[in-house]
Amino acid sequence: MDSHVIALLIPIMAMGIPIVAIVFHGMQKVASLRVEEARLRASAGDAGGPAEIAALRGEVAELREELQDVQERLDFAERALVQSREPGRLQGGNAG
């Protein structure tokens, strides 16, 4: 390369680097503002949080009770099926 071209590129690069840095800094600020805005929106959506959590806990408790009832019914049905199919084995009859 010609020395005149290099002499011209040095000041251009010297001025270009700070401009690029300023642009990237601005983009970083915009991104951080968007993140902060998203955080504020998320925290504003949690206004009904404790009440909603309490309602969900109540629903989970109801579902656990229903599941326990279903499990008890299933156990009963399994025992009834086994007794009807193999009455001799459960009553100590000959298993051979």
Protein backbone atom coordinates (compact mmCIF):
# COMPACT_ATOMS: atom_id res chain seq x y z
CA MET A 1 0.00 0.00 0.00
CA ASP A 2 0.99 3.53 -0.63
CA SER A 3 2.17 5.54 2.37
CA HIS A 4 -0.35 8.29 1.52
CA VAL A 5 -3.21 5.78 1.80
CA ILE A 6 -1.92 4.53 5.15
CA ALA A 7 -1.53 8.09 6.35
CA LEU A 8 -5.16 8.71 5.39
CA LEU A 9 -6.48 5.52 7.03
CA ILE A 10 -4.87 6.19 10.42
CA PRO A 11 -6.98 9.30 11.25
CA ILE A 12 -10.10 7.64 9.82
CA MET A 13 -9.59 4.64 12.10
CA ALA A 14 -8.75 6.92 15.03
CA MET A 15 -12.06 8.74 14.56
CA GLY A 16 -14.04 5.60 13.66
CA ILE A 17 -13.25 3.61 16.79
CA PRO A 18 -14.80 6.12 19.22
CA ILE A 19 -17.85 6.50 16.97
CA VAL A 20 -18.35 2.72 16.93
CA ALA A 21 -17.89 2.65 20.70
CA ILE A 22 -20.53 5.38 21.15
CA VAL A 23 -22.98 3.49 18.92
CA PHE A 24 -22.45 0.23 20.80
CA HIS A 25 -22.79 1.99 24.16
CA GLY A 26 -26.13 3.43 23.00
CA MET A 27 -27.29 -0.02 21.90
CA GLN A 28 -26.30 -1.40 25.29
CA LYS A 29 -28.31 1.32 27.05
CA VAL A 30 -31.37 0.57 24.92
CA ALA A 31 -31.06 -3.16 25.68
CA SER A 32 -30.72 -2.54 29.42
CA LEU A 33 -33.75 -0.23 29.36
CA ARG A 34 -35.77 -2.96 27.63
CA VAL A 35 -34.71 -5.50 30.25
CA GLU A 36 -35.63 -3.11 33.06
CA GLU A 37 -39.00 -2.42 31.43
CA ALA A 38 -39.66 -6.17 31.17
CA ARG A 39 -38.78 -6.59 34.85
CA LEU A 40 -41.16 -3.81 35.83
CA ARG A 41 -43.95 -5.36 33.75
CA ALA A 42 -43.30 -8.75 35.31
CA SER A 43 -43.39 -7.34 38.85
CA ALA A 44 -46.56 -5.39 38.05
CA GLY A 45 -48.19 -8.62 36.91
CA ASP A 46 -47.47 -10.14 40.33
CA ALA A 47 -49.87 -7.76 42.11
CA GLY A 48 -52.32 -10.62 42.69
CA GLY A 49 -49.49 -13.02 43.48
CA PRO A 50 -50.14 -13.98 47.12
CA ALA A 51 -53.87 -14.38 46.58
CA GLU A 52 -53.29 -16.38 43.43
CA ILE A 53 -50.75 -18.60 45.19
CA ALA A 54 -53.19 -19.24 48.03
CA ALA A 55 -55.90 -20.18 45.52
CA LEU A 56 -53.52 -22.52 43.72
CA ARG A 57 -52.51 -24.14 47.02
CA GLY A 58 -56.17 -24.75 47.79
CA GLU A 59 -56.70 -26.34 44.39
CA VAL A 60 -53.64 -28.55 44.87
CA ALA A 61 -54.96 -29.67 48.27
CA GLU A 62 -58.33 -30.54 46.70
CA LEU A 63 -56.61 -32.45 43.91
CA ARG A 64 -54.53 -34.39 46.43
CA GLU A 65 -57.67 -35.40 48.32
CA GLU A 66 -59.36 -36.48 45.10
CA LEU A 67 -56.27 -38.44 44.06
CA GLN A 68 -56.15 -40.17 47.43
CA ASP A 69 -59.84 -41.16 47.06
CA VAL A 70 -59.18 -42.50 43.56
CA GLN A 71 -56.18 -44.49 44.80
CA GLU A 72 -58.24 -46.01 47.61
CA ARG A 73 -60.97 -46.98 45.15
CA LEU A 74 -58.40 -48.50 42.82
CA ASP A 75 -56.89 -50.53 45.66
CA PHE A 76 -60.36 -51.75 46.64
CA ALA A 77 -61.17 -52.70 43.04
CA GLU A 78 -57.86 -54.56 42.67
CA ARG A 79 -58.51 -56.51 45.89
CA ALA A 80 -62.04 -57.35 44.75
CA LEU A 81 -60.78 -58.59 41.39
CA VAL A 82 -58.09 -60.74 42.97
CA GLN A 83 -60.61 -62.23 45.43
CA SER A 84 -63.09 -63.07 42.69
CA ARG A 85 -60.46 -64.67 40.44
CA GLU A 86 -58.46 -66.60 43.03
CA PRO A 87 -60.56 -67.17 46.14
CA GLY A 88 -58.58 -70.29 47.10
CA ARG A 89 -55.18 -68.58 47.13
CA LEU A 90 -56.30 -65.75 49.38
CA GLN A 91 -58.12 -68.04 51.83
CA GLY A 92 -55.18 -70.38 52.25
CA GLY A 93 -56.43 -73.07 49.84
CA ASN A 94 -54.25 -75.40 47.83
CA ALA A 95 -52.07 -73.41 45.49
CA GLY A 96 -50.69 -76.22 43.51
